Amino acid sequence: MTPSFAEILRGLMDNRGLSPRAISRASARAESTIRQLLNGHIAPSNEIARDIAPALQIPEADLLLFAGLATRTVESHAKPYRNSAQIGELVSIASSLSVEKNPTIT
């Protein structure tokens, strides 16, 4: 049986230590949209895949393939955000950080 897009998305996020909030912030998509994708309540679109692929540190074409969507050639698609891979890595690192209370502040 082929895994659903929701299962694949959850696996990618778990593997990278990313929360729905982190994907939302990095992709400029609503957190509710990410949660609906994870729950299988909405199907991914080409636009959503384009927006969340850099945050997942995965090529857009691969994510489109996982979603069962038609891939498009690189020439017909706008260039990705400059440094999108680095942004994805930073989001991954930042989402794993915890907030520690400063003992000198009361």
N, C-alpha and C. Protein backbone atom coordinates (compact mmCIF):
# COMPACT_ATOMS: atom_id res chain seq x y z
N MET A 1 0.84 -1.18 0.00
CA MET A 1 0.00 0.00 0.00
C MET A 1 0.88 1.25 0.00
N THR A 2 0.52 2.19 -0.80
CA THR A 2 1.27 3.44 -0.90
C THR A 2 0.87 4.37 0.24
N PRO A 3 1.85 4.96 0.91
CA PRO A 3 1.51 5.89 2.01
C PRO A 3 0.84 7.15 1.46
N SER A 4 -0.03 7.72 2.26
CA SER A 4 -0.72 8.95 1.86
C SER A 4 0.25 10.13 1.96
N PHE A 5 -0.15 11.23 1.33
CA PHE A 5 0.67 12.43 1.42
C PHE A 5 0.80 12.87 2.87
N ALA A 6 -0.28 12.76 3.63
CA ALA A 6 -0.24 13.15 5.05
C ALA A 6 0.82 12.35 5.81
N GLU A 7 0.91 11.05 5.54
CA GLU A 7 1.91 10.21 6.20
C GLU A 7 3.33 10.60 5.78
N ILE A 8 3.50 10.88 4.51
CA ILE A 8 4.81 11.29 4.01
C ILE A 8 5.21 12.64 4.61
N LEU A 9 4.26 13.58 4.63
CA LEU A 9 4.54 14.89 5.20
C LEU A 9 4.90 14.78 6.67
N ARG A 10 4.15 13.99 7.42
CA ARG A 10 4.44 13.79 8.84
C ARG A 10 5.84 13.18 9.01
N GLY A 11 6.19 12.21 8.18
CA GLY A 11 7.52 11.60 8.25
C GLY A 11 8.63 12.58 7.96
N LEU A 12 8.44 13.40 6.94
CA LEU A 12 9.45 14.42 6.60
C LEU A 12 9.62 15.41 7.75
N MET A 13 8.51 15.83 8.32
CA MET A 13 8.58 16.78 9.42
C MET A 13 9.22 16.16 10.66
N ASP A 14 8.83 14.93 10.99
CA ASP A 14 9.41 14.24 12.14
C ASP A 14 10.90 14.04 11.96
N ASN A 15 11.29 13.63 10.75
CA ASN A 15 12.70 13.39 10.46
C ASN A 15 13.55 14.64 10.64
N ARG A 16 12.96 15.78 10.35
CA ARG A 16 13.69 17.05 10.44
C ARG A 16 13.42 17.81 11.74
N GLY A 17 12.56 17.24 12.58
CA GLY A 17 12.25 17.89 13.85
C GLY A 17 11.45 19.18 13.69
N LEU A 18 10.57 19.20 12.70
CA LEU A 18 9.81 20.41 12.40
C LEU A 18 8.36 20.28 12.88
N SER A 19 7.86 21.33 13.42
CA SER A 19 6.47 21.38 13.88
C SER A 19 5.61 22.03 12.79
N PRO A 20 4.29 21.86 12.89
CA PRO A 20 3.42 22.57 11.94
C PRO A 20 3.65 24.09 11.99
N ARG A 21 3.90 24.61 13.16
CA ARG A 21 4.16 26.05 13.29
C ARG A 21 5.43 26.45 12.55
N ALA A 22 6.48 25.64 12.66
CA ALA A 22 7.74 25.95 11.98
C ALA A 22 7.55 25.93 10.46
N ILE A 23 6.82 24.93 9.95
CA ILE A 23 6.55 24.87 8.51
C ILE A 23 5.72 26.06 8.09
N SER A 24 4.74 26.41 8.91
CA SER A 24 3.89 27.56 8.62
C SER A 24 4.70 28.84 8.52
N ARG A 25 5.54 29.07 9.47
CA ARG A 25 6.35 30.29 9.47
C ARG A 25 7.33 30.34 8.30
N ALA A 26 7.93 29.21 8.00
CA ALA A 26 8.92 29.18 6.92
C ALA A 26 8.29 29.26 5.54
N SER A 27 7.04 28.82 5.42
CA SER A 27 6.40 28.77 4.11
C SER A 27 5.40 29.89 3.87
N ALA A 28 5.10 30.67 4.90
CA ALA A 28 4.08 31.73 4.82
C ALA A 28 2.70 31.15 4.54
N ARG A 29 2.48 29.93 4.94
CA ARG A 29 1.17 29.27 4.86
C ARG A 29 0.58 29.22 6.25
N ALA A 30 -0.72 29.28 6.36
CA ALA A 30 -1.38 29.24 7.67
C ALA A 30 -1.09 27.91 8.36
N GLU A 31 -0.89 27.98 9.66
CA GLU A 31 -0.66 26.75 10.43
C GLU A 31 -1.84 25.79 10.28
N SER A 32 -3.04 26.34 10.18
CA SER A 32 -4.22 25.49 10.02
C SER A 32 -4.15 24.71 8.69
N THR A 33 -3.57 25.31 7.66
CA THR A 33 -3.40 24.62 6.38
C THR A 33 -2.45 23.44 6.55
N ILE A 34 -1.35 23.66 7.26
CA ILE A 34 -0.38 22.58 7.48
C ILE A 34 -1.03 21.45 8.28
N ARG A 35 -1.79 21.80 9.31
CA ARG A 35 -2.47 20.79 10.13
C ARG A 35 -3.52 20.03 9.31
N GLN A 36 -4.23 20.72 8.43
CA GLN A 36 -5.21 20.05 7.58
C GLN A 36 -4.54 19.09 6.61
N LEU A 37 -3.37 19.46 6.10
CA LEU A 37 -2.60 18.54 5.25
C LEU A 37 -2.19 17.30 6.05
N LEU A 38 -1.73 17.52 7.28
CA LEU A 38 -1.28 16.41 8.12
C LEU A 38 -2.42 15.47 8.50
N ASN A 39 -3.63 16.02 8.63
CA ASN A 39 -4.79 15.21 8.98
C ASN A 39 -5.49 14.63 7.76
N GLY A 40 -5.03 14.99 6.57
CA GLY A 40 -5.64 14.49 5.35
C GLY A 40 -6.96 15.15 5.01
N HIS A 41 -7.27 16.29 5.64
CA HIS A 41 -8.53 16.98 5.40
C HIS A 41 -8.52 17.80 4.11
N ILE A 42 -7.34 18.19 3.67
CA ILE A 42 -7.23 18.86 2.37
C ILE A 42 -6.13 18.19 1.57
N ALA A 43 -6.28 18.24 0.28
CA ALA A 43 -5.26 17.69 -0.62
C ALA A 43 -4.25 18.78 -0.94
N PRO A 44 -2.99 18.39 -1.10
CA PRO A 44 -1.98 19.40 -1.45
C PRO A 44 -2.21 19.91 -2.87
N SER A 45 -1.84 21.14 -3.08
CA SER A 45 -1.89 21.73 -4.42
C SER A 45 -0.46 22.02 -4.86
N ASN A 46 -0.30 22.34 -6.12
CA ASN A 46 1.03 22.70 -6.61
C ASN A 46 1.59 23.90 -5.86
N GLU A 47 0.72 24.86 -5.56
CA GLU A 47 1.17 26.08 -4.87
C GLU A 47 1.62 25.79 -3.44
N ILE A 48 0.86 24.94 -2.74
CA ILE A 48 1.24 24.59 -1.37
C ILE A 48 2.57 23.83 -1.38
N ALA A 49 2.71 22.89 -2.30
CA ALA A 49 3.95 22.11 -2.39
C ALA A 49 5.14 23.05 -2.67
N ARG A 50 4.93 24.02 -3.56
CA ARG A 50 6.00 24.98 -3.88
C ARG A 50 6.41 25.76 -2.63
N ASP A 51 5.43 26.12 -1.82
CA ASP A 51 5.71 26.94 -0.64
C ASP A 51 6.36 26.15 0.50
N ILE A 52 5.95 24.90 0.69
CA ILE A 52 6.47 24.16 1.85
C ILE A 52 7.72 23.34 1.55
N ALA A 53 8.02 23.09 0.29
CA ALA A 53 9.19 22.28 -0.06
C ALA A 53 10.49 22.83 0.52
N PRO A 54 10.78 24.14 0.40
CA PRO A 54 12.04 24.64 0.98
C PRO A 54 12.11 24.44 2.49
N ALA A 55 10.99 24.62 3.18
CA ALA A 55 10.98 24.43 4.63
C ALA A 55 11.26 22.98 5.01
N LEU A 56 10.84 22.06 4.15
CA LEU A 56 11.08 20.63 4.38
C LEU A 56 12.45 20.19 3.88
N GLN A 57 13.17 21.10 3.25
CA GLN A 57 14.50 20.83 2.70
C GLN A 57 14.43 19.69 1.67
N ILE A 58 13.46 19.81 0.78
CA ILE A 58 13.24 18.80 -0.25
C ILE A 58 12.93 19.53 -1.57
N PRO A 59 13.39 19.00 -2.69
CA PRO A 59 13.06 19.64 -3.96
C PRO A 59 11.56 19.65 -4.21
N GLU A 60 11.08 20.72 -4.79
CA GLU A 60 9.65 20.85 -5.09
C GLU A 60 9.15 19.68 -5.93
N ALA A 61 9.93 19.27 -6.92
CA ALA A 61 9.53 18.17 -7.80
C ALA A 61 9.30 16.88 -7.02
N ASP A 62 10.13 16.62 -6.02
CA ASP A 62 9.95 15.42 -5.19
C ASP A 62 8.65 15.50 -4.40
N LEU A 63 8.38 16.66 -3.82
CA LEU A 63 7.17 16.82 -3.03
C LEU A 63 5.93 16.71 -3.92
N LEU A 64 5.99 17.26 -5.12
CA LEU A 64 4.88 17.12 -6.06
C LEU A 64 4.65 15.65 -6.41
N LEU A 65 5.73 14.91 -6.58
CA LEU A 65 5.63 13.49 -6.87
C LEU A 65 4.96 12.74 -5.71
N PHE A 66 5.38 13.04 -4.48
CA PHE A 66 4.77 12.41 -3.30
C PHE A 66 3.28 12.73 -3.21
N ALA A 67 2.92 13.94 -3.65
CA ALA A 67 1.53 14.38 -3.57
C ALA A 67 0.69 13.86 -4.74
N GLY A 68 1.35 13.23 -5.71
CA GLY A 68 0.64 12.73 -6.87
C GLY A 68 0.22 13.83 -7.83
N LEU A 69 0.95 14.94 -7.79
CA LEU A 69 0.64 16.08 -8.65
C LEU A 69 1.60 16.12 -9.82
N ALA A 70 1.16 16.75 -10.87
CA ALA A 70 2.00 16.88 -12.06
C ALA A 70 3.18 17.79 -11.75
N THR A 71 4.34 17.34 -12.17
CA THR A 71 5.53 18.18 -11.99
C THR A 71 5.65 19.06 -13.22
N ARG A 72 6.29 20.17 -13.03
CA ARG A 72 6.50 21.08 -14.14
C ARG A 72 7.99 21.28 -14.34
N THR A 73 8.34 21.71 -15.50
CA THR A 73 9.75 21.90 -15.78
C THR A 73 10.26 23.12 -15.04
N VAL A 74 11.54 23.10 -14.76
CA VAL A 74 12.15 24.20 -14.02
C VAL A 74 12.02 25.51 -14.78
N GLU A 75 12.07 25.46 -16.11
CA GLU A 75 12.01 26.68 -16.91
C GLU A 75 10.66 27.40 -16.76
N SER A 76 9.59 26.67 -16.53
CA SER A 76 8.27 27.30 -16.48
C SER A 76 7.92 27.80 -15.09
N HIS A 77 8.79 27.60 -14.16
CA HIS A 77 8.48 27.94 -12.78
C HIS A 77 9.43 29.02 -12.29
N ALA A 78 8.88 29.90 -11.49
CA ALA A 78 9.68 30.99 -10.95
C ALA A 78 10.84 30.44 -10.13
N LYS A 79 11.89 31.21 -10.06
CA LYS A 79 13.05 30.76 -9.29
C LYS A 79 12.69 30.65 -7.82
N PRO A 80 13.28 29.67 -7.13
CA PRO A 80 13.00 29.55 -5.70
C PRO A 80 13.59 30.73 -4.95
N TYR A 81 13.09 30.92 -3.75
CA TYR A 81 13.65 31.99 -2.93
C TYR A 81 15.14 31.80 -2.78
N ARG A 82 15.85 32.88 -2.87
CA ARG A 82 17.29 32.81 -2.68
C ARG A 82 17.54 32.30 -1.27
N ASN A 83 18.46 31.39 -1.12
CA ASN A 83 18.84 30.80 0.17
C ASN A 83 17.72 30.01 0.83
N SER A 84 16.78 29.46 0.05
CA SER A 84 15.67 28.73 0.64
C SER A 84 16.15 27.48 1.39
N ALA A 85 17.20 26.83 0.93
CA ALA A 85 17.72 25.66 1.64
C ALA A 85 18.26 26.07 3.01
N GLN A 86 18.96 27.19 3.05
CA GLN A 86 19.50 27.67 4.32
C GLN A 86 18.37 28.08 5.27
N ILE A 87 17.31 28.67 4.72
CA ILE A 87 16.17 29.06 5.55
C ILE A 87 15.54 27.82 6.16
N GLY A 88 15.38 26.78 5.37
CA GLY A 88 14.82 25.52 5.89
C GLY A 88 15.67 24.95 7.01
N GLU A 89 16.99 24.99 6.84
CA GLU A 89 17.88 24.49 7.88
C GLU A 89 17.77 25.33 9.15
N LEU A 90 17.71 26.64 9.00
CA LEU A 90 17.58 27.52 10.17
C LEU A 90 16.26 27.29 10.89
N VAL A 91 15.19 27.10 10.14
CA VAL A 91 13.89 26.82 10.77
C VAL A 91 13.96 25.52 11.55
N SER A 92 14.61 24.52 10.96
CA SER A 92 14.76 23.24 11.64
C SER A 92 15.53 23.40 12.95
N ILE A 93 16.62 24.13 12.91
CA ILE A 93 17.43 24.34 14.11
C ILE A 93 16.65 25.14 15.14
N ALA A 94 16.01 26.21 14.70
CA ALA A 94 15.27 27.07 15.63
C ALA A 94 14.11 26.33 16.28
N SER A 95 13.46 25.44 15.55
CA SER A 95 12.31 24.74 16.13
C SER A 95 12.73 23.73 17.19
N SER A 96 14.02 23.35 17.20
CA SER A 96 14.49 22.40 18.20
C SER A 96 15.01 23.09 19.46
N LEU A 97 15.13 24.40 19.43
CA LEU A 97 15.62 25.14 20.60
C LEU A 97 14.51 25.28 21.63
N SER A 98 14.90 25.29 22.88
CA SER A 98 13.91 25.49 23.94
C SER A 98 14.19 26.81 24.63
N VAL A 99 13.15 27.37 25.17
CA VAL A 99 13.28 28.64 25.88
C VAL A 99 13.63 28.32 27.33
N GLU A 100 14.72 28.87 27.77
CA GLU A 100 15.15 28.66 29.16
C GLU A 100 14.95 29.96 29.91
N LYS A 101 14.46 29.84 31.10
CA LYS A 101 14.26 31.04 31.91
C LYS A 101 15.60 31.53 32.43
N ASN A 102 15.75 32.82 32.42
CA ASN A 102 16.96 33.45 32.95
C ASN A 102 16.80 33.55 34.46
N PRO A 103 17.68 32.91 35.23
CA PRO A 103 17.52 32.92 36.69
C PRO A 103 17.69 34.30 37.31
N THR A 104 18.25 35.24 36.58
CA THR A 104 18.44 36.57 37.16
C THR A 104 17.22 37.45 36.99
N ILE A 105 16.27 37.01 36.14
CA ILE A 105 15.04 37.78 35.90
C ILE A 105 13.94 37.18 36.75
N THR A 106 13.24 38.05 37.51
CA THR A 106 12.15 37.56 38.34
C THR A 106 10.81 38.02 37.84
